[in-house]
Amino acid sequence: MSDTIPLTDLDAPAQEEPGDQLELASIHDFATKLVQPGSKEALEHYVHWQVAMRSATDTDATDLDPGKVPDFAPISINLDLTTACNFACDHCVDLDILNTGIRFDHNKLLESLQVMAERGMKSVIVIGGGEPTLYPKFEEVIRFMKGLGLQIAIVSNGTGNEKIARVADCMEKSDWVRLSLDSGTDATFQPMHNPRKNFPLEDICAKVPLIKAANADVTVGFSFIVTWRGAEINDTSIVENLHEMAMAAKLAKDNQFDYISFKPFLTRDEANNAEVIDINSKSNLDDIIDRIQAQVEEAVKLGDDSFRVHQSTGLKAMLKRQTQTLAKQPQQCHMQFFRQVLSPLGLYNCPVYRNQDHGRLGDKNANAGVQSYDATRGVTADLVKNFNATVECEKVTCLYNDVNWWIESLIANPDELARLKWDESAEPDYFL
């Protein structure tokens, strides 16, 4: 897409004005999440390992192996249960990997999950690649993971709401479901999502009360990727939906969703296939931002004690023209130790690099068994050392930018680890 301009290249202040710092969405406050009991120990070991690596000295009293990352599984993973999908969304960043027929060996998948849970994994976001509810043993996997004591989130296109409702009884207040719907009317929904069967938007939303009836504690969200005229991916123009943001918020509220979340459209960068916020050079950025802002303000009016309106960190950055703040990456991406992606296509260091060789940590069985898990620790160490995020991710509006720089500061000042405190009254949230 040679006629696109990354937002990081558009006119913007060289630095933020005082008091105008970009506010992270609460779900993206990953530094706080890493201080929680159950994740702080992994953070401490990782920082000490980095200090030893950088000072070229023997590892300290923690007896860490210099050739492997510390003996902790990622705190959180994205789990792509399947590559199968019954939609062909025009804005899908994973369109080229869908319906490939590549599958997990079910027993190996369960073994991988158990090994990681035994070594510190706390949460799993069951998400794309394909539509997770199409996995033949979807309910078994969810119940298996809950039996391991994991926090579970399910991201779905909504066509499997009845399946989600059937498994909702085993879920807890910390668990959540998010439906990727991106529309306020069926007239927009159909050309955006191209369902293979008759799945009207209103019918999908009308089944959300089934989930809430099965378990009122489970949070259900409406995900809305904001698109604009001129945006394109896969050499295809994307249907514009920004004019339906407020309409979608009302639809969500009327159907017992707990919140709606707005995030900007992502495309693939030509240089390394990373997911980036792009805007077509023929588009009017000022007009797009003004229209999105007006819709957000209208949607926010619907918020109350039972319904919330969220803006993702990426959207906030776009509206404030501060995407360059989140695109200035440190050389080392530390979060690839704490958060990874497990897919039938393999194990990857980041959702941005799903199915990209330069982000690959191993095949789909990389953690199936203690021996495989231990070998993967060495691969992860090599990628942490050699993956240059300053270069590879220079156009990525990275949700982990803030926490990566925070970990950098801890490596420079490891004594600060002792001062990190967790609010004991807070609800644990291990989703990264």
Protein backbone atom coordinates (compact mmCIF):
# COMPACT_ATOMS: atom_id res chain seq x y z
CA MET A 1 0.00 0.00 0.00
CA SER A 2 2.39 2.62 -1.24
CA ASP A 3 -0.15 5.43 -0.95
CA THR A 4 -0.57 5.13 2.81
CA ILE A 5 1.12 7.30 5.41
CA PRO A 6 1.70 5.95 8.93
CA LEU A 7 0.22 8.32 11.49
CA THR A 8 3.65 8.47 13.09
CA ASP A 9 4.82 10.43 10.04
CA LEU A 10 2.08 13.06 10.18
CA ASP A 11 2.61 16.46 11.70
CA ALA A 12 2.61 16.23 15.49
CA PRO A 13 4.30 18.00 18.39
CA ALA A 14 7.87 16.88 18.97
CA GLN A 15 6.90 16.20 22.57
CA GLU A 16 3.73 16.29 24.58
CA GLU A 17 2.71 19.47 26.30
CA PRO A 18 2.66 19.39 30.13
CA GLY A 19 -0.61 17.93 31.36
CA ASP A 20 -1.32 16.39 27.96
CA GLN A 21 0.20 12.97 28.64
CA LEU A 22 -1.57 10.11 26.88
CA GLU A 23 -3.77 8.30 29.35
CA LEU A 24 -3.62 4.51 29.18
CA ALA A 25 -6.87 2.59 29.06
CA SER A 26 -7.19 0.72 32.37
CA ILE A 27 -6.96 -2.67 30.65
CA HIS A 28 -3.62 -1.53 29.17
CA ASP A 29 -2.02 -0.61 32.51
CA PHE A 30 0.29 -3.59 32.24
CA ALA A 31 2.88 -2.30 34.71
CA THR A 32 0.31 -2.48 37.51
CA LYS A 33 -0.65 -6.00 36.39
CA LEU A 34 2.98 -7.14 36.64
CA VAL A 35 3.15 -6.07 40.29
CA GLN A 36 0.31 -8.41 41.29
CA PRO A 37 1.02 -11.47 43.42
CA GLY A 38 1.71 -14.29 41.00
CA SER A 39 3.39 -12.09 38.41
CA LYS A 40 5.78 -9.96 40.48
CA GLU A 41 8.10 -12.91 41.11
CA ALA A 42 8.45 -13.44 37.34
CA LEU A 43 9.12 -9.72 36.91
CA GLU A 44 11.85 -9.77 39.58
CA HIS A 45 13.60 -12.79 38.07
CA TYR A 46 13.40 -11.30 34.59
CA VAL A 47 14.89 -7.96 35.68
CA HIS A 48 17.77 -9.69 37.50
CA TRP A 49 18.40 -11.86 34.42
CA GLN A 50 18.55 -8.75 32.22
CA VAL A 51 20.92 -7.02 34.64
CA ALA A 52 23.24 -10.03 34.52
CA MET A 53 23.07 -10.20 30.72
CA ARG A 54 23.89 -6.55 30.29
CA SER A 55 26.70 -6.44 32.83
CA ALA A 56 28.29 -9.58 31.33
CA THR A 57 28.71 -11.06 34.80
CA ASP A 58 27.69 -14.37 36.24
CA THR A 59 24.06 -14.54 37.24
CA ASP A 60 23.34 -13.51 40.80
CA ALA A 61 21.95 -15.40 43.78
CA THR A 62 18.78 -16.24 41.90
CA ASP A 63 20.93 -18.78 40.01
CA LEU A 64 19.47 -17.90 36.63
CA ASP A 65 20.65 -19.66 33.48
CA PRO A 66 22.27 -17.02 31.25
CA GLY A 67 21.28 -18.96 28.13
CA LYS A 68 17.59 -19.15 28.98
CA VAL A 69 14.95 -16.78 30.23
CA PRO A 70 13.86 -17.37 33.85
CA ASP A 71 11.84 -20.50 34.48
CA PHE A 72 8.40 -18.92 34.15
CA ALA A 73 5.77 -19.42 31.48
CA PRO A 74 4.23 -16.24 30.05
CA ILE A 75 1.81 -14.69 32.53
CA SER A 76 -0.78 -14.39 29.76
CA ILE A 77 -1.25 -15.83 26.28
CA ASN A 78 -3.48 -15.23 23.32
CA LEU A 79 -4.77 -18.66 22.30
CA ASP A 80 -5.93 -19.11 18.71
CA LEU A 81 -7.94 -22.30 19.01
CA THR A 82 -8.51 -22.62 15.28
CA THR A 83 -7.82 -21.08 11.90
CA ALA A 84 -11.42 -21.82 10.82
CA CYS A 85 -13.75 -18.84 10.42
CA ASN A 86 -17.31 -18.43 9.17
CA PHE A 87 -16.76 -14.73 8.34
CA ALA A 88 -14.57 -13.06 5.71
CA CYS A 89 -14.20 -9.62 7.31
CA ASP A 90 -12.89 -6.98 4.93
CA HIS A 91 -10.71 -5.48 7.69
CA CYS A 92 -9.22 -8.76 8.97
CA VAL A 93 -5.44 -8.61 9.50
CA ASP A 94 -5.29 -12.42 9.54
CA LEU A 95 -7.21 -13.11 6.33
CA ASP A 96 -4.32 -14.99 4.72
CA ILE A 97 -4.15 -17.59 7.52
CA LEU A 98 -7.86 -18.41 7.82
CA ASN A 99 -9.40 -21.76 6.86
CA THR A 100 -6.01 -23.31 6.10
CA GLY A 101 -6.96 -26.62 7.72
CA ILE A 102 -3.98 -26.43 10.10
CA ARG A 103 -5.06 -27.76 13.51
CA PHE A 104 -3.90 -28.43 17.02
CA ASP A 105 -3.43 -31.96 18.25
CA HIS A 106 -6.04 -31.66 21.01
CA ASN A 107 -4.16 -33.65 23.65
CA LYS A 108 -0.93 -31.78 22.91
CA LEU A 109 -2.80 -28.49 23.31
CA LEU A 110 -4.09 -29.55 26.73
CA GLU A 111 -0.58 -30.65 27.70
CA SER A 112 0.83 -27.27 26.66
CA LEU A 113 -1.77 -25.41 28.71
CA GLN A 114 -1.11 -27.56 31.77
CA VAL A 115 2.67 -27.15 31.57
CA MET A 116 2.35 -23.38 31.26
CA ALA A 117 -0.19 -23.16 34.10
CA GLU A 118 2.12 -25.16 36.36
CA ARG A 119 4.90 -22.68 35.58
CA GLY A 120 3.07 -19.46 36.26
CA MET A 121 0.63 -18.73 33.46
CA LYS A 122 -2.37 -16.89 34.93
CA SER A 123 -4.66 -15.98 32.05
CA VAL A 124 -5.67 -16.97 28.53
CA ILE A 125 -7.44 -14.82 25.94
CA VAL A 126 -9.16 -17.20 23.52
CA ILE A 127 -9.14 -15.13 20.37
CA GLY A 128 -8.46 -15.02 16.59
CA GLY A 129 -6.75 -16.65 13.99
CA GLY A 130 -10.26 -17.96 13.40
CA GLU A 131 -13.56 -18.08 15.28
CA PRO A 132 -12.84 -19.92 18.57
CA THR A 133 -16.34 -21.34 19.03
CA LEU A 134 -15.83 -23.35 15.81
CA TYR A 135 -13.20 -25.46 17.57
CA PRO A 136 -14.84 -28.89 17.93
CA LYS A 137 -13.92 -29.20 21.62
CA PHE A 138 -14.40 -25.55 22.51
CA GLU A 139 -16.35 -26.20 25.71
CA GLU A 140 -13.92 -28.88 26.89
CA VAL A 141 -10.93 -26.53 26.49
CA ILE A 142 -12.64 -23.70 28.39
CA ARG A 143 -13.59 -26.01 31.27
CA PHE A 144 -10.11 -27.56 31.27
CA MET A 145 -8.48 -24.13 31.59
CA LYS A 146 -10.85 -23.07 34.37
CA GLY A 147 -9.94 -26.31 36.14
CA LEU A 148 -6.32 -25.13 36.02
CA GLY A 149 -7.35 -21.95 37.86
CA LEU A 150 -6.79 -19.63 34.90
CA GLN A 151 -8.59 -16.38 34.16
CA ILE A 152 -10.33 -16.78 30.80
CA ALA A 153 -11.48 -14.33 28.14
CA ILE A 154 -13.28 -15.23 24.92
CA VAL A 155 -13.19 -13.00 21.83
CA SER A 156 -15.78 -14.13 19.29
CA ASN A 157 -17.69 -12.91 16.25
CA GLY A 158 -20.93 -13.68 18.10
CA THR A 159 -22.17 -16.55 15.96
CA GLY A 160 -21.35 -18.99 18.77
CA ASN A 161 -23.12 -17.13 21.57
CA GLU A 162 -25.16 -20.21 22.46
CA LYS A 163 -21.94 -22.21 22.92
CA ILE A 164 -20.51 -19.45 25.10
CA ALA A 165 -23.71 -19.42 27.15
CA ARG A 166 -23.36 -23.17 27.73
CA VAL A 167 -19.90 -22.75 29.19
CA ALA A 168 -20.56 -19.51 31.09
CA ASP A 169 -21.45 -21.34 34.30
CA CYS A 170 -17.79 -22.22 34.93
CA MET A 171 -16.59 -18.65 34.37
CA GLU A 172 -15.96 -16.10 37.14
CA LYS A 173 -16.29 -12.38 37.71
CA SER A 174 -12.73 -11.80 36.50
CA ASP A 175 -13.48 -13.54 33.18
CA TRP A 176 -14.98 -11.80 30.18
CA VAL A 177 -16.44 -12.17 26.69
CA ARG A 178 -15.98 -9.67 23.85
CA LEU A 179 -17.85 -9.77 20.56
CA SER A 180 -16.23 -8.24 17.46
CA LEU A 181 -19.16 -6.55 15.72
CA ASP A 182 -17.90 -3.18 14.45
CA SER A 183 -21.29 -1.89 13.27
CA GLY A 184 -24.43 -0.13 14.38
CA THR A 185 -26.66 -1.47 11.61
CA ASP A 186 -26.94 -4.76 9.74
CA ALA A 187 -26.58 -2.83 6.46
CA THR A 188 -22.99 -2.03 7.44
CA PHE A 189 -22.35 -5.27 9.31
CA GLN A 190 -22.99 -7.56 6.33
CA PRO A 191 -20.48 -6.09 3.82
CA MET A 192 -17.89 -5.61 6.59
CA HIS A 193 -18.07 -9.18 7.91
CA ASN A 194 -19.34 -11.19 4.96
CA PRO A 195 -20.83 -14.07 7.01
CA ARG A 196 -21.06 -17.39 5.19
CA LYS A 197 -24.57 -17.97 6.54
CA ASN A 198 -27.41 -15.69 7.53
CA PHE A 199 -26.20 -13.98 10.72
CA PRO A 200 -27.95 -10.59 11.11
CA LEU A 201 -26.30 -8.20 13.57
CA GLU A 202 -29.49 -7.79 15.56
CA ASP A 203 -29.84 -11.57 16.01
CA ILE A 204 -26.29 -11.88 17.30
CA CYS A 205 -26.86 -9.09 19.83
CA ALA A 206 -30.22 -10.56 20.88
CA LYS A 207 -28.45 -13.71 22.14
CA VAL A 208 -26.18 -11.84 24.55
CA PRO A 209 -28.88 -12.06 27.27
CA LEU A 210 -28.44 -15.86 27.08
CA ILE A 211 -24.87 -15.45 28.32
CA LYS A 212 -25.90 -13.01 31.03
CA ALA A 213 -28.73 -15.32 32.12
CA ALA A 214 -26.29 -18.23 32.42
CA ASN A 215 -23.88 -16.18 34.53
CA ALA A 216 -24.55 -12.54 35.37
CA ASP A 217 -20.98 -12.12 36.66
CA VAL A 218 -19.42 -12.57 33.22
CA THR A 219 -18.66 -9.24 31.57
CA VAL A 220 -19.74 -9.05 27.92
CA GLY A 221 -18.32 -6.34 25.66
CA PHE A 222 -19.06 -5.02 22.18
CA SER A 223 -15.86 -4.43 20.17
CA PHE A 224 -15.93 -1.76 17.46
CA ILE A 225 -12.92 -1.33 15.16
CA VAL A 226 -13.31 2.17 13.71
CA THR A 227 -12.82 2.39 9.93
CA TRP A 228 -12.85 5.29 7.51
CA ARG A 229 -13.15 5.80 3.78
CA GLY A 230 -9.80 5.29 2.08
CA ALA A 231 -8.54 2.71 4.59
CA GLU A 232 -7.47 -0.55 2.98
CA ILE A 233 -5.87 -3.93 3.68
CA ASN A 234 -5.28 -7.01 1.55
CA ASP A 235 -5.44 -4.61 -1.43
CA THR A 236 -9.11 -4.05 -0.65
CA SER A 237 -10.94 -0.88 0.38
CA ILE A 238 -12.62 -1.11 3.78
CA VAL A 239 -16.27 -0.30 4.45
CA GLU A 240 -16.51 2.90 6.49
CA ASN A 241 -18.31 2.59 9.84
CA LEU A 242 -17.21 5.58 11.92
CA HIS A 243 -20.63 7.22 11.48
CA GLU A 244 -22.26 4.31 13.39
CA MET A 245 -20.24 4.46 16.61
CA ALA A 246 -22.95 6.07 18.73
CA MET A 247 -25.59 3.90 17.09
CA ALA A 248 -23.58 0.79 18.01
CA ALA A 249 -23.31 1.98 21.61
CA LYS A 250 -27.10 2.18 21.86
CA LEU A 251 -27.47 -1.26 20.27
CA ALA A 252 -25.01 -2.67 22.80
CA LYS A 253 -26.74 -1.06 25.77
CA ASP A 254 -30.17 -2.23 24.63
CA ASN A 255 -28.93 -5.85 24.47
CA GLN A 256 -27.33 -6.07 27.93
CA PHE A 257 -23.70 -5.64 26.90
CA ASP A 258 -21.66 -4.27 29.81
CA TYR A 259 -19.56 -1.97 27.63
CA ILE A 260 -18.53 -0.96 24.13
CA SER A 261 -14.88 -0.51 23.20
CA PHE A 262 -13.67 1.59 20.27
CA LYS A 263 -10.28 0.96 18.67
CA PRO A 264 -8.69 2.14 15.40
CA PHE A 265 -8.39 0.08 12.23
CA LEU A 266 -5.05 -1.68 11.73
CA THR A 267 -3.40 -2.67 8.48
CA ARG A 268 -0.20 -4.57 7.65
CA ASP A 269 3.06 -2.70 7.08
CA GLU A 270 4.68 -3.58 3.76
CA ALA A 271 8.20 -3.77 5.20
CA ASN A 272 7.71 -6.43 7.92
CA ASN A 273 3.97 -7.22 7.95
CA ALA A 274 3.52 -5.66 11.40
CA GLU A 275 0.06 -4.43 12.39
CA VAL A 276 0.05 -0.62 12.24
CA ILE A 277 -2.41 2.27 12.27
CA ASP A 278 -2.43 3.65 8.74
CA ILE A 279 -4.40 6.31 6.99
CA ASN A 280 -4.65 6.73 3.24
CA SER A 281 -2.86 9.78 1.89
CA LYS A 282 -5.99 10.69 -0.06
CA SER A 283 -8.03 10.87 3.14
CA ASN A 284 -8.62 13.99 5.21
CA LEU A 285 -7.12 13.23 8.62
CA ASP A 286 -8.62 16.29 10.32
CA ASP A 287 -12.10 15.41 9.12
CA ILE A 288 -11.73 11.78 10.19
CA ILE A 289 -10.56 12.73 13.67
CA ASP A 290 -13.32 15.32 14.07
CA ARG A 291 -16.00 12.84 13.02
CA ILE A 292 -14.69 10.10 15.30
CA GLN A 293 -14.45 12.52 18.23
CA ALA A 294 -18.05 13.65 17.72
CA GLN A 295 -19.25 10.05 17.67
CA VAL A 296 -17.29 9.21 20.82
CA GLU A 297 -18.82 12.17 22.63
CA GLU A 298 -22.31 11.05 21.58
CA ALA A 299 -21.65 7.47 22.66
CA VAL A 300 -20.29 8.54 26.05
CA LYS A 301 -23.66 10.07 26.88
CA LEU A 302 -25.10 6.53 27.07
CA GLY A 303 -22.71 5.51 29.83
CA ASP A 304 -24.08 4.81 33.29
CA ASP A 305 -23.58 2.38 36.20
CA SER A 306 -24.55 -0.59 34.03
CA PHE A 307 -22.94 0.39 30.72
CA ARG A 308 -19.50 1.80 29.98
CA VAL A 309 -17.95 3.38 26.88
CA HIS A 310 -14.23 2.71 26.42
CA GLN A 311 -11.68 4.17 24.06
CA SER A 312 -8.62 1.99 23.47
CA THR A 313 -5.19 3.45 24.09
CA GLY A 314 -4.58 3.31 20.33
CA LEU A 315 -7.69 5.34 19.57
CA LYS A 316 -6.82 7.91 22.22
CA ALA A 317 -3.38 8.23 20.65
CA MET A 318 -4.90 8.68 17.20
CA LEU A 319 -7.39 11.33 18.32
CA LYS A 320 -4.65 13.25 20.15
CA ARG A 321 -2.16 12.79 17.28
CA GLN A 322 0.16 11.08 19.73
CA THR A 323 0.69 7.76 17.97
CA GLN A 324 4.36 8.69 17.68
CA THR A 325 4.57 8.45 21.48
CA LEU A 326 3.64 4.76 21.37
CA ALA A 327 5.82 4.03 18.33
CA LYS A 328 9.15 4.98 19.90
CA GLN A 329 10.19 1.54 21.12
CA PRO A 330 13.13 0.48 23.31
CA GLN A 331 15.57 -1.89 21.62
CA GLN A 332 14.36 -4.87 23.65
CA CYS A 333 10.73 -5.88 23.84
CA HIS A 334 10.43 -7.30 27.35
CA MET A 335 6.78 -8.19 27.05
CA GLN A 336 7.58 -11.12 24.76
CA PHE A 337 8.65 -12.91 27.96
CA PHE A 338 5.41 -12.11 29.80
CA ARG A 339 2.87 -12.41 26.96
CA GLN A 340 2.86 -14.68 23.89
CA VAL A 341 0.56 -16.09 21.20
CA LEU A 342 -0.16 -19.81 20.82
CA SER A 343 -1.71 -20.79 17.50
CA PRO A 344 -2.06 -23.90 15.34
CA LEU A 345 0.54 -22.11 13.21
CA GLY A 346 3.06 -21.88 16.05
CA LEU A 347 4.13 -19.95 19.14
CA TYR A 348 4.83 -16.22 18.58
CA ASN A 349 6.28 -13.37 20.58
CA CYS A 350 3.45 -10.88 19.97
CA PRO A 351 -0.05 -10.62 18.46
CA VAL A 352 1.41 -8.12 15.97
CA TYR A 353 3.69 -10.83 14.57
CA ARG A 354 1.31 -13.78 14.54
CA ASN A 355 2.48 -16.12 11.74
CA GLN A 356 5.58 -14.01 11.01
CA ASP A 357 8.90 -15.88 11.01
CA HIS A 358 10.83 -13.11 12.77
CA GLY A 359 8.43 -13.37 15.76
CA ARG A 360 8.33 -17.17 15.91
CA LEU A 361 9.31 -18.94 19.14
CA GLY A 362 8.46 -22.45 18.02
CA ASP A 363 5.80 -24.70 16.56
CA LYS A 364 2.34 -25.32 18.02
CA ASN A 365 3.80 -27.90 20.43
CA ALA A 366 6.63 -25.65 21.69
CA ASN A 367 5.36 -26.00 25.27
CA ALA A 368 3.86 -29.50 25.04
CA GLY A 369 5.86 -31.27 27.73
CA VAL A 370 8.55 -30.13 30.13
CA GLN A 371 11.39 -30.88 27.73
CA SER A 372 9.84 -28.82 24.92
CA TYR A 373 8.99 -26.00 27.33
CA ASP A 374 12.60 -25.89 28.57
CA ALA A 375 13.97 -25.74 25.03
CA THR A 376 11.57 -22.91 24.20
CA ARG A 377 13.03 -20.90 27.10
CA GLY A 378 16.31 -20.81 25.18
CA VAL A 379 14.62 -19.67 21.97
CA THR A 380 12.78 -16.96 23.91
CA ALA A 381 16.07 -15.77 25.43
CA ASP A 382 17.61 -15.48 21.96
CA LEU A 383 14.65 -13.49 20.65
CA VAL A 384 14.63 -11.16 23.66
CA LYS A 385 18.31 -10.48 23.02
CA ASN A 386 18.22 -10.20 19.23
CA PHE A 387 14.78 -8.88 18.25
CA ASN A 388 15.38 -5.16 17.76
CA ALA A 389 12.04 -3.54 18.57
CA THR A 390 13.39 -0.06 17.84
CA VAL A 391 13.69 -1.12 14.19
CA GLU A 392 11.11 -3.90 13.80
CA CYS A 393 8.33 -2.00 15.58
CA GLU A 394 9.17 1.57 14.57
CA LYS A 395 5.72 2.04 12.98
CA VAL A 396 3.74 0.05 15.54
CA THR A 397 1.45 1.99 17.87
CA CYS A 398 2.33 -0.47 20.62
CA LEU A 399 0.04 -1.07 23.58
CA TYR A 400 3.08 -2.40 25.46
CA ASN A 401 5.25 0.65 24.81
CA ASP A 402 4.73 2.15 28.26
CA VAL A 403 5.41 -1.06 30.18
CA ASN A 404 8.47 -1.89 28.06
CA TRP A 405 10.04 1.46 28.97
CA TRP A 406 9.02 0.93 32.62
CA ILE A 407 10.82 -2.43 32.68
CA GLU A 408 13.83 -0.72 31.08
CA SER A 409 13.89 1.68 34.03
CA LEU A 410 13.77 -1.24 36.49
CA ILE A 411 16.71 -2.91 34.75
CA ALA A 412 18.65 0.34 35.11
CA ASN A 413 17.56 0.64 38.76
CA PRO A 414 16.81 -2.89 40.09
CA ASP A 415 16.62 -1.65 43.67
CA GLU A 416 13.27 -0.13 42.70
CA LEU A 417 11.78 -3.64 42.62
CA ALA A 418 11.66 -3.66 46.43
CA ARG A 419 9.53 -0.52 46.41
CA LEU A 420 6.81 -1.88 44.12
CA LYS A 421 3.54 -2.31 46.00
CA TRP A 422 0.26 -4.00 45.11
CA ASP A 423 -3.09 -2.60 46.23
CA GLU A 424 -4.49 -5.56 48.19
CA SER A 425 -8.04 -4.26 47.72
CA ALA A 426 -7.79 -4.43 43.92
CA GLU A 427 -9.30 -7.27 41.90
CA PRO A 428 -6.54 -9.35 40.25
CA ASP A 429 -6.37 -8.97 36.47
CA TYR A 430 -3.74 -11.02 34.69
CA PHE A 431 -4.77 -10.32 31.10
CA LEU A 432 -1.84 -8.85 29.16
